[in-house]
PDB file of N, CA and C in Angstrom:
ATOM      1  N   MET A   1     -13.814 -82.612  58.107  1.00  0.00           N
ATOM      2  CA  MET A   1     -13.256 -81.574  57.279  1.00  0.00           C
ATOM      3  C   MET A   1     -12.495 -80.601  58.168  1.00  0.00           C
ATOM      4  N   LYS A   2     -11.393 -80.117  57.663  1.00  0.00           N
ATOM      5  CA  LYS A   2     -10.575 -79.165  58.396  1.00  0.00           C
ATOM      6  C   LYS A   2     -11.233 -77.799  58.417  1.00  0.00           C
ATOM      7  N   LYS A   3     -10.747 -76.938  59.288  1.00  0.00           N
ATOM      8  CA  LYS A   3     -11.218 -75.566  59.341  1.00  0.00           C
ATOM      9  C   LYS A   3     -10.949 -74.901  57.997  1.00  0.00           C
ATOM     10  N   LEU A   4     -11.923 -74.161  57.486  1.00  0.00           N
ATOM     11  CA  LEU A   4     -11.799 -73.537  56.179  1.00  0.00           C
ATOM     12  C   LEU A   4     -11.069 -72.204  56.284  1.00  0.00           C
ATOM     13  N   ALA A   5     -10.146 -71.980  55.367  1.00  0.00           N
ATOM     14  CA  ALA A   5      -9.425 -70.713  55.305  1.00  0.00           C
ATOM     15  C   ALA A   5     -10.300 -69.681  54.605  1.00  0.00           C
ATOM     16  N   LEU A   6     -10.246 -68.449  55.082  1.00  0.00           N
ATOM     17  CA  LEU A   6     -11.046 -67.398  54.465  1.00  0.00           C
ATOM     18  C   LEU A   6     -10.438 -66.881  53.169  1.00  0.00           C
ATOM     19  N   ASP A   7      -9.138 -66.848  53.068  1.00  0.00           N
ATOM     20  CA  ASP A   7      -8.471 -66.326  51.879  1.00  0.00           C
ATOM     21  C   ASP A   7      -7.302 -67.203  51.453  1.00  0.00           C
ATOM     22  N   PRO A   8      -7.576 -68.425  51.007  1.00  0.00           N
ATOM     23  CA  PRO A   8      -6.462 -69.284  50.569  1.00  0.00           C
ATOM     24  C   PRO A   8      -5.887 -68.780  49.244  1.00  0.00           C
ATOM     25  N   GLU A   9      -4.660 -69.192  48.963  1.00  0.00           N
ATOM     26  CA  GLU A   9      -4.056 -68.869  47.669  1.00  0.00           C
ATOM     27  C   GLU A   9      -4.923 -69.469  46.565  1.00  0.00           C
ATOM     28  N   ILE A  10      -5.049 -68.750  45.458  1.00  0.00           N
ATOM     29  CA  ILE A  10      -5.875 -69.267  44.373  1.00  0.00           C
ATOM     30  C   ILE A  10      -5.030 -69.630  43.166  1.00  0.00           C
ATOM     31  N   ALA A  11      -5.526 -70.592  42.429  1.00  0.00           N
ATOM     32  CA  ALA A  11      -4.902 -70.981  41.157  1.00  0.00           C
ATOM     33  C   ALA A  11      -5.509 -70.115  40.059  1.00  0.00           C
ATOM     34  N   ASP A  12      -4.804 -69.997  38.959  1.00  0.00           N
ATOM     35  CA  ASP A  12      -5.354 -69.240  37.834  1.00  0.00           C
ATOM     36  C   ASP A  12      -6.597 -69.908  37.271  1.00  0.00           C
ATOM     37  N   VAL A  13      -6.606 -71.236  37.282  1.00  0.00           N
ATOM     38  CA  VAL A  13      -7.743 -72.013  36.811  1.00  0.00           C
ATOM     39  C   VAL A  13      -7.942 -73.167  37.786  1.00  0.00           C
ATOM     40  N   VAL A  14      -9.180 -73.408  38.159  1.00  0.00           N
ATOM     41  CA  VAL A  14      -9.464 -74.472  39.122  1.00  0.00           C
ATOM     42  C   VAL A  14      -9.430 -75.842  38.452  1.00  0.00           C
ATOM     43  N   PRO A  15      -9.256 -76.897  39.259  1.00  0.00           N
ATOM     44  CA  PRO A  15      -9.327 -78.253  38.693  1.00  0.00           C
ATOM     45  C   PRO A  15     -10.726 -78.490  38.112  1.00  0.00           C
ATOM     46  N   ASN A  16     -10.785 -79.242  37.059  1.00  0.00           N
ATOM     47  CA  ASN A  16     -12.073 -79.546  36.431  1.00  0.00           C
ATOM     48  C   ASN A  16     -12.299 -81.053  36.512  1.00  0.00           C
ATOM     49  N   GLU A  17     -12.596 -81.517  37.697  1.00  0.00           N
ATOM     50  CA  GLU A  17     -12.800 -82.945  37.952  1.00  0.00           C
ATOM     51  C   GLU A  17     -14.281 -83.209  38.198  1.00  0.00           C
ATOM     52  N   SER A  18     -14.691 -84.446  38.073  1.00  0.00           N
ATOM     53  CA  SER A  18     -16.082 -84.810  38.342  1.00  0.00           C
ATOM     54  C   SER A  18     -16.291 -85.185  39.807  1.00  0.00           C
ATOM     55  N   VAL A  19     -15.260 -85.016  40.613  1.00  0.00           N
ATOM     56  CA  VAL A  19     -15.338 -85.240  42.053  1.00  0.00           C
ATOM     57  C   VAL A  19     -14.709 -84.037  42.751  1.00  0.00           C
ATOM     58  N   LEU A  20     -15.055 -83.862  44.019  1.00  0.00           N
ATOM     59  CA  LEU A  20     -14.429 -82.797  44.787  1.00  0.00           C
ATOM     60  C   LEU A  20     -12.946 -83.075  44.955  1.00  0.00           C
ATOM     61  N   THR A  21     -12.170 -82.036  44.862  1.00  0.00           N
ATOM     62  CA  THR A  21     -10.728 -82.159  45.016  1.00  0.00           C
ATOM     63  C   THR A  21     -10.293 -81.501  46.319  1.00  0.00           C
ATOM     64  N   THR A  22      -9.063 -81.712  46.687  1.00  0.00           N
ATOM     65  CA  THR A  22      -8.506 -81.028  47.854  1.00  0.00           C
ATOM     66  C   THR A  22      -8.580 -79.517  47.647  1.00  0.00           C
ATOM     67  N   TYR A  23      -8.305 -79.076  46.428  1.00  0.00           N
ATOM     68  CA  TYR A  23      -8.407 -77.644  46.114  1.00  0.00           C
ATOM     69  C   TYR A  23      -9.819 -77.143  46.405  1.00  0.00           C
ATOM     70  N   ASP A  24     -10.828 -77.897  45.984  1.00  0.00           N
ATOM     71  CA  ASP A  24     -12.215 -77.506  46.251  1.00  0.00           C
ATOM     72  C   ASP A  24     -12.475 -77.379  47.750  1.00  0.00           C
ATOM     73  N   GLU A  25     -12.041 -78.365  48.495  1.00  0.00           N
ATOM     74  CA  GLU A  25     -12.260 -78.334  49.938  1.00  0.00           C
ATOM     75  C   GLU A  25     -11.598 -77.112  50.567  1.00  0.00           C
ATOM     76  N   GLN A  26     -10.424 -76.749  50.080  1.00  0.00           N
ATOM     77  CA  GLN A  26      -9.699 -75.600  50.623  1.00  0.00           C
ATOM     78  C   GLN A  26     -10.327 -74.276  50.212  1.00  0.00           C
ATOM     79  N   HIS A  27     -11.135 -74.280  49.152  1.00  0.00           N
ATOM     80  CA  HIS A  27     -11.662 -73.033  48.603  1.00  0.00           C
ATOM     81  C   HIS A  27     -13.182 -72.912  48.697  1.00  0.00           C
ATOM     82  N   LEU A  28     -13.796 -73.684  49.563  1.00  0.00           N
ATOM     83  CA  LEU A  28     -15.253 -73.605  49.693  1.00  0.00           C
ATOM     84  C   LEU A  28     -15.724 -72.200  50.055  1.00  0.00           C
ATOM     85  N   VAL A  29     -15.039 -71.547  50.957  1.00  0.00           N
ATOM     86  CA  VAL A  29     -15.433 -70.181  51.337  1.00  0.00           C
ATOM     87  C   VAL A  29     -15.329 -69.255  50.132  1.00  0.00           C
ATOM     88  N   THR A  30     -14.278 -69.400  49.349  1.00  0.00           N
ATOM     89  CA  THR A  30     -14.113 -68.603  48.132  1.00  0.00           C
ATOM     90  C   THR A  30     -15.284 -68.839  47.183  1.00  0.00           C
ATOM     91  N   TYR A  31     -15.631 -70.095  46.975  1.00  0.00           N
ATOM     92  CA  TYR A  31     -16.739 -70.419  46.080  1.00  0.00           C
ATOM     93  C   TYR A  31     -18.046 -69.795  46.567  1.00  0.00           C
ATOM     94  N   TRP A  32     -18.318 -69.918  47.855  1.00  0.00           N
ATOM     95  CA  TRP A  32     -19.587 -69.369  48.371  1.00  0.00           C
ATOM     96  C   TRP A  32     -19.599 -67.854  48.256  1.00  0.00           C
ATOM     97  N   ARG A  33     -18.459 -67.223  48.476  1.00  0.00           N
ATOM     98  CA  ARG A  33     -18.380 -65.772  48.333  1.00  0.00           C
ATOM     99  C   ARG A  33     -18.647 -65.356  46.889  1.00  0.00           C
ATOM    100  N   LEU A  34     -18.137 -66.110  45.936  1.00  0.00           N
ATOM    101  CA  LEU A  34     -18.390 -65.808  44.530  1.00  0.00           C
ATOM    102  C   LEU A  34     -19.869 -65.973  44.181  1.00  0.00           C
ATOM    103  N   LEU A  35     -20.477 -67.035  44.668  1.00  0.00           N
ATOM    104  CA  LEU A  35     -21.903 -67.250  44.410  1.00  0.00           C
ATOM    105  C   LEU A  35     -22.748 -66.140  45.025  1.00  0.00           C
ATOM    106  N   ASP A  36     -22.426 -65.737  46.250  1.00  0.00           N
ATOM    107  CA  ASP A  36     -23.147 -64.644  46.896  1.00  0.00           C
ATOM    108  C   ASP A  36     -22.999 -63.345  46.121  1.00  0.00           C
ATOM    109  N   ALA A  37     -21.782 -63.060  45.676  1.00  0.00           N
ATOM    110  CA  ALA A  37     -21.535 -61.827  44.926  1.00  0.00           C
ATOM    111  C   ALA A  37     -22.317 -61.826  43.616  1.00  0.00           C
ATOM    112  N   GLU A  38     -22.324 -62.959  42.929  1.00  0.00           N
ATOM    113  CA  GLU A  38     -23.080 -63.029  41.674  1.00  0.00           C
ATOM    114  C   GLU A  38     -24.574 -62.838  41.932  1.00  0.00           C
ATOM    115  N   ALA A  39     -25.093 -63.459  42.978  1.00  0.00           N
ATOM    116  CA  ALA A  39     -26.511 -63.328  43.317  1.00  0.00           C
ATOM    117  C   ALA A  39     -26.869 -61.874  43.645  1.00  0.00           C
ATOM    118  N   ASP A  40     -25.909 -61.158  44.209  1.00  0.00           N
ATOM    119  CA  ASP A  40     -26.130 -59.748  44.543  1.00  0.00           C
ATOM    120  C   ASP A  40     -25.910 -58.818  43.360  1.00  0.00           C
ATOM    121  N   GLY A  41     -25.461 -59.370  42.226  1.00  0.00           N
ATOM    122  CA  GLY A  41     -25.223 -58.555  41.041  1.00  0.00           C
ATOM    123  C   GLY A  41     -23.950 -57.726  41.111  1.00  0.00           C
ATOM    124  N   ALA A  42     -22.989 -58.159  41.909  1.00  0.00           N
ATOM    125  CA  ALA A  42     -21.736 -57.419  42.069  1.00  0.00           C
ATOM    126  C   ALA A  42     -20.931 -57.428  40.768  1.00  0.00           C
ATOM    127  N   ASP A  43     -20.196 -56.364  40.548  1.00  0.00           N
ATOM    128  CA  ASP A  43     -19.320 -56.251  39.390  1.00  0.00           C
ATOM    129  C   ASP A  43     -18.184 -57.258  39.518  1.00  0.00           C
ATOM    130  N   TRP A  44     -17.931 -58.004  38.448  1.00  0.00           N
ATOM    131  CA  TRP A  44     -16.920 -59.069  38.517  1.00  0.00           C
ATOM    132  C   TRP A  44     -15.547 -58.524  38.872  1.00  0.00           C
ATOM    133  N   GLU A  45     -15.202 -57.329  38.410  1.00  0.00           N
ATOM    134  CA  GLU A  45     -13.881 -56.776  38.695  1.00  0.00           C
ATOM    135  C   GLU A  45     -13.712 -56.474  40.188  1.00  0.00           C
ATOM    136  N   GLU A  46     -14.777 -55.983  40.808  1.00  0.00           N
ATOM    137  CA  GLU A  46     -14.726 -55.738  42.251  1.00  0.00           C
ATOM    138  C   GLU A  46     -14.607 -57.059  43.010  1.00  0.00           C
ATOM    139  N   VAL A  47     -15.320 -58.065  42.563  1.00  0.00           N
ATOM    140  CA  VAL A  47     -15.274 -59.376  43.199  1.00  0.00           C
ATOM    141  C   VAL A  47     -13.867 -59.976  43.086  1.00  0.00           C
ATOM    142  N   VAL A  48     -13.260 -59.844  41.911  1.00  0.00           N
ATOM    143  CA  VAL A  48     -11.911 -60.368  41.704  1.00  0.00           C
ATOM    144  C   VAL A  48     -10.935 -59.704  42.674  1.00  0.00           C
ATOM    145  N   ARG A  49     -11.063 -58.399  42.855  1.00  0.00           N
ATOM    146  CA  ARG A  49     -10.163 -57.688  43.784  1.00  0.00           C
ATOM    147  C   ARG A  49     -10.349 -58.169  45.223  1.00  0.00           C
ATOM    148  N   ILE A  50     -11.599 -58.282  45.634  1.00  0.00           N
ATOM    149  CA  ILE A  50     -11.904 -58.582  47.032  1.00  0.00           C
ATOM    150  C   ILE A  50     -11.747 -60.070  47.355  1.00  0.00           C
ATOM    151  N   VAL A  51     -12.284 -60.919  46.518  1.00  0.00           N
ATOM    152  CA  VAL A  51     -12.342 -62.350  46.826  1.00  0.00           C
ATOM    153  C   VAL A  51     -11.100 -63.098  46.342  1.00  0.00           C
ATOM    154  N   LEU A  52     -10.667 -62.798  45.112  1.00  0.00           N
ATOM    155  CA  LEU A  52      -9.540 -63.542  44.545  1.00  0.00           C
ATOM    156  C   LEU A  52      -8.208 -62.811  44.698  1.00  0.00           C
ATOM    157  N   HIS A  53      -8.250 -61.578  45.134  1.00  0.00           N
ATOM    158  CA  HIS A  53      -7.037 -60.776  45.367  1.00  0.00           C
ATOM    159  C   HIS A  53      -6.188 -60.624  44.109  1.00  0.00           C
ATOM    160  N   LEU A  54      -6.874 -60.381  43.002  1.00  0.00           N
ATOM    161  CA  LEU A  54      -6.202 -60.116  41.735  1.00  0.00           C
ATOM    162  C   LEU A  54      -6.594 -58.728  41.257  1.00  0.00           C
ATOM    163  N   ASP A  55      -5.728 -58.111  40.487  1.00  0.00           N
ATOM    164  CA  ASP A  55      -6.001 -56.780  39.954  1.00  0.00           C
ATOM    165  C   ASP A  55      -6.401 -56.906  38.489  1.00  0.00           C
ATOM    166  N   PRO A  56      -7.692 -56.703  38.181  1.00  0.00           N
ATOM    167  CA  PRO A  56      -8.148 -56.868  36.805  1.00  0.00           C
ATOM    168  C   PRO A  56      -7.628 -55.790  35.851  1.00  0.00           C
ATOM    169  N   GLU A  57      -7.132 -54.695  36.383  1.00  0.00           N
ATOM    170  CA  GLU A  57      -6.556 -53.668  35.515  1.00  0.00           C
ATOM    171  C   GLU A  57      -5.139 -54.048  35.095  1.00  0.00           C
ATOM    172  N   CYS A  58      -4.373 -54.618  36.013  1.00  0.00           N
ATOM    173  CA  CYS A  58      -2.992 -55.019  35.702  1.00  0.00           C
ATOM    174  C   CYS A  58      -2.917 -56.347  34.967  1.00  0.00           C
ATOM    175  N   GLU A  59      -3.817 -57.267  35.301  1.00  0.00           N
ATOM    176  CA  GLU A  59      -3.813 -58.604  34.701  1.00  0.00           C
ATOM    177  C   GLU A  59      -5.235 -58.974  34.271  1.00  0.00           C
ATOM    178  N   PRO A  60      -5.765 -58.303  33.259  1.00  0.00           N
ATOM    179  CA  PRO A  60      -7.172 -58.516  32.904  1.00  0.00           C
ATOM    180  C   PRO A  60      -7.505 -59.950  32.458  1.00  0.00           C
ATOM    181  N   VAL A  61      -6.640 -60.571  31.688  1.00  0.00           N
ATOM    182  CA  VAL A  61      -6.926 -61.926  31.197  1.00  0.00           C
ATOM    183  C   VAL A  61      -6.854 -62.926  32.341  1.00  0.00           C
ATOM    184  N   ARG A  62      -5.799 -62.831  33.135  1.00  0.00           N
ATOM    185  CA  ARG A  62      -5.653 -63.739  34.280  1.00  0.00           C
ATOM    186  C   ARG A  62      -6.818 -63.575  35.252  1.00  0.00           C
ATOM    187  N   ALA A  63      -7.181 -62.334  35.540  1.00  0.00           N
ATOM    188  CA  ALA A  63      -8.267 -62.068  36.476  1.00  0.00           C
ATOM    189  C   ALA A  63      -9.591 -62.632  35.965  1.00  0.00           C
ATOM    190  N   ARG A  64      -9.873 -62.412  34.692  1.00  0.00           N
ATOM    191  CA  ARG A  64     -11.137 -62.894  34.125  1.00  0.00           C
ATOM    192  C   ARG A  64     -11.176 -64.419  34.092  1.00  0.00           C
ATOM    193  N   ASN A  65     -10.061 -65.040  33.693  1.00  0.00           N
ATOM    194  CA  ASN A  65     -10.004 -66.509  33.662  1.00  0.00           C
ATOM    195  C   ASN A  65     -10.178 -67.107  35.054  1.00  0.00           C
ATOM    196  N   ALA A  66      -9.513 -66.526  36.039  1.00  0.00           N
ATOM    197  CA  ALA A  66      -9.629 -67.020  37.412  1.00  0.00           C
ATOM    198  C   ALA A  66     -11.067 -66.859  37.906  1.00  0.00           C
ATOM    199  N   TYR A  67     -11.647 -65.708  37.648  1.00  0.00           N
ATOM    200  CA  TYR A  67     -13.034 -65.466  38.069  1.00  0.00           C
ATOM    201  C   TYR A  67     -13.983 -66.468  37.411  1.00  0.00           C
ATOM    202  N   ASP A  68     -13.890 -66.583  36.095  1.00  0.00           N
ATOM    203  CA  ASP A  68     -14.801 -67.483  35.370  1.00  0.00           C
ATOM    204  C   ASP A  68     -14.652 -68.933  35.821  1.00  0.00           C
ATOM    205  N   SER A  69     -13.409 -69.393  35.976  1.00  0.00           N
ATOM    206  CA  SER A  69     -13.226 -70.802  36.337  1.00  0.00           C
ATOM    207  C   SER A  69     -13.671 -71.074  37.780  1.00  0.00           C
ATOM    208  N   HIS A  70     -13.386 -70.156  38.695  1.00  0.00           N
ATOM    209  CA  HIS A  70     -13.810 -70.352  40.081  1.00  0.00           C
ATOM    210  C   HIS A  70     -15.328 -70.269  40.220  1.00  0.00           C
ATOM    211  N   LEU A  71     -15.945 -69.341  39.510  1.00  0.00           N
ATOM    212  CA  LEU A  71     -17.403 -69.233  39.574  1.00  0.00           C
ATOM    213  C   LEU A  71     -18.063 -70.473  38.959  1.00  0.00           C
ATOM    214  N   ALA A  72     -17.539 -70.945  37.849  1.00  0.00           N
ATOM    215  CA  ALA A  72     -18.097 -72.156  37.231  1.00  0.00           C
ATOM    216  C   ALA A  72     -17.971 -73.354  38.175  1.00  0.00           C
ATOM    217  N   ARG A  73     -16.835 -73.464  38.839  1.00  0.00           N
ATOM    218  CA  ARG A  73     -16.643 -74.569  39.780  1.00  0.00           C
ATOM    219  C   ARG A  73     -17.585 -74.426  40.970  1.00  0.00           C
ATOM    220  N   ALA A  74     -17.771 -73.209  41.440  1.00  0.00           N
ATOM    221  CA  ALA A  74     -18.707 -72.972  42.548  1.00  0.00           C
ATOM    222  C   ALA A  74     -20.116 -73.412  42.158  1.00  0.00           C
ATOM    223  N   LYS A  75     -20.510 -73.114  40.944  1.00  0.00           N
ATOM    224  CA  LYS A  75     -21.850 -73.513  40.478  1.00  0.00           C
ATOM    225  C   LYS A  75     -21.939 -75.035  40.347  1.00  0.00           C
ATOM    226  N   TRP A  76     -20.863 -75.672  39.880  1.00  0.00           N
ATOM    227  CA  TRP A  76     -20.870 -77.128  39.773  1.00  0.00           C
ATOM    228  C   TRP A  76     -21.049 -77.753  41.152  1.00  0.00           C
ATOM    229  N   ILE A  77     -20.318 -77.232  42.132  1.00  0.00           N
ATOM    230  CA  ILE A  77     -20.436 -77.777  43.489  1.00  0.00           C
ATOM    231  C   ILE A  77     -21.845 -77.566  44.025  1.00  0.00           C
ATOM    232  N   ALA A  78     -22.388 -76.385  43.810  1.00  0.00           N
ATOM    233  CA  ALA A  78     -23.738 -76.096  44.294  1.00  0.00           C
ATOM    234  C   ALA A  78     -24.777 -76.994  43.636  1.00  0.00           C
ATOM    235  N   ASP A  79     -24.575 -77.321  42.359  1.00  0.00           N
ATOM    236  CA  ASP A  79     -25.547 -78.133  41.624  1.00  0.00           C
ATOM    237  C   ASP A  79     -25.297 -79.629  41.708  1.00  0.00           C
ATOM    238  N   HIS A  80     -24.024 -80.042  41.768  1.00  0.00           N
ATOM    239  CA  HIS A  80     -23.698 -81.466  41.666  1.00  0.00           C
ATOM    240  C   HIS A  80     -22.794 -81.999  42.779  1.00  0.00           C
ATOM    241  N   GLY A  81     -21.879 -81.198  43.230  1.00  0.00           N
ATOM    242  CA  GLY A  81     -20.874 -81.681  44.168  1.00  0.00           C
ATOM    243  C   GLY A  81     -21.260 -81.614  45.629  1.00  0.00           C
ATOM    244  N   TYR A  82     -22.410 -80.999  45.924  1.00  0.00           N
ATOM    245  CA  TYR A  82     -22.778 -80.834  47.328  1.00  0.00           C
ATOM    246  C   TYR A  82     -22.985 -82.162  48.045  1.00  0.00           C
ATOM    247  N   GLY A  83     -23.427 -83.174  47.336  1.00  0.00           N
ATOM    248  CA  GLY A  83     -23.609 -84.497  47.944  1.00  0.00           C
ATOM    249  C   GLY A  83     -22.294 -85.062  48.441  1.00  0.00           C
ATOM    250  N   GLN A  84     -21.238 -84.807  47.691  1.00  0.00           N
ATOM    251  CA  GLN A  84     -19.917 -85.247  48.121  1.00  0.00           C
ATOM    252  C   GLN A  84     -19.478 -84.486  49.372  1.00  0.00           C
ATOM    253  N   LEU A  85     -19.873 -83.231  49.476  1.00  0.00           N
ATOM    254  CA  LEU A  85     -19.552 -82.457  50.682  1.00  0.00           C
ATOM    255  C   LEU A  85     -20.205 -83.083  51.906  1.00  0.00           C
ATOM    256  N   LEU A  86     -21.417 -83.544  51.737  1.00  0.00           N
ATOM    257  CA  LEU A  86     -22.135 -84.147  52.853  1.00  0.00           C
ATOM    258  C   LEU A  86     -21.468 -85.431  53.340  1.00  0.00           C
ATOM    259  N   ARG A  87     -20.793 -86.133  52.426  1.00  0.00           N
ATOM    260  CA  ARG A  87     -20.150 -87.393  52.778  1.00  0.00           C
ATOM    261  C   ARG A  87     -18.755 -87.220  53.339  1.00  0.00           C
ATOM    262  N   ILE A  88     -18.192 -86.040  53.223  1.00  0.00           N
ATOM    263  CA  ILE A  88     -16.838 -85.822  53.758  1.00  0.00           C
ATOM    264  C   ILE A  88     -16.881 -85.999  55.263  1.00  0.00           C
ATOM    265  N   GLY A  89     -16.034 -86.838  55.745  1.00  0.00           N
ATOM    266  CA  GLY A  89     -15.971 -87.078  57.176  1.00  0.00           C
ATOM    267  C   GLY A  89     -17.017 -88.044  57.685  1.00  0.00           C
ATOM    268  N   ASP A  90     -17.896 -88.538  56.810  1.00  0.00           N
ATOM    269  CA  ASP A  90     -18.887 -89.520  57.214  1.00  0.00           C
ATOM    270  C   ASP A  90     -18.197 -90.861  57.420  1.00  0.00           C
ATOM    271  N   PRO A  91     -18.290 -91.430  58.617  1.00  0.00           N
ATOM    272  CA  PRO A  91     -17.574 -92.674  58.908  1.00  0.00           C
ATOM    273  C   PRO A  91     -18.103 -93.887  58.152  1.00  0.00           C
ATOM    274  N   GLU A  92     -19.239 -93.793  57.524  1.00  0.00           N
ATOM    275  CA  GLU A  92     -19.892 -94.879  56.772  1.00  0.00           C
ATOM    276  C   GLU A  92     -20.042 -96.070  57.606  1.00  0.00           C
TER     277      GLU A  92
END
């Protein structure tokens, strides 16, 4: 796996595939940051500003959709996709 970027560009809505995508691999740090923020009880609007670099006051619908889709994908990876992460780069 390549070095992970701390703040990659984000899509408004993440891919909804049953396998890890290139987008997922590029956004693992983003996903983990979202999961950590949720576990800490952080306000979603603050998280959107800091992690996704969107302004929820100027673009409330876009910000909420991006937050919800990225957080849902992060949870999917944590619950189901982590096995695929373990196999990335495995020479088999």
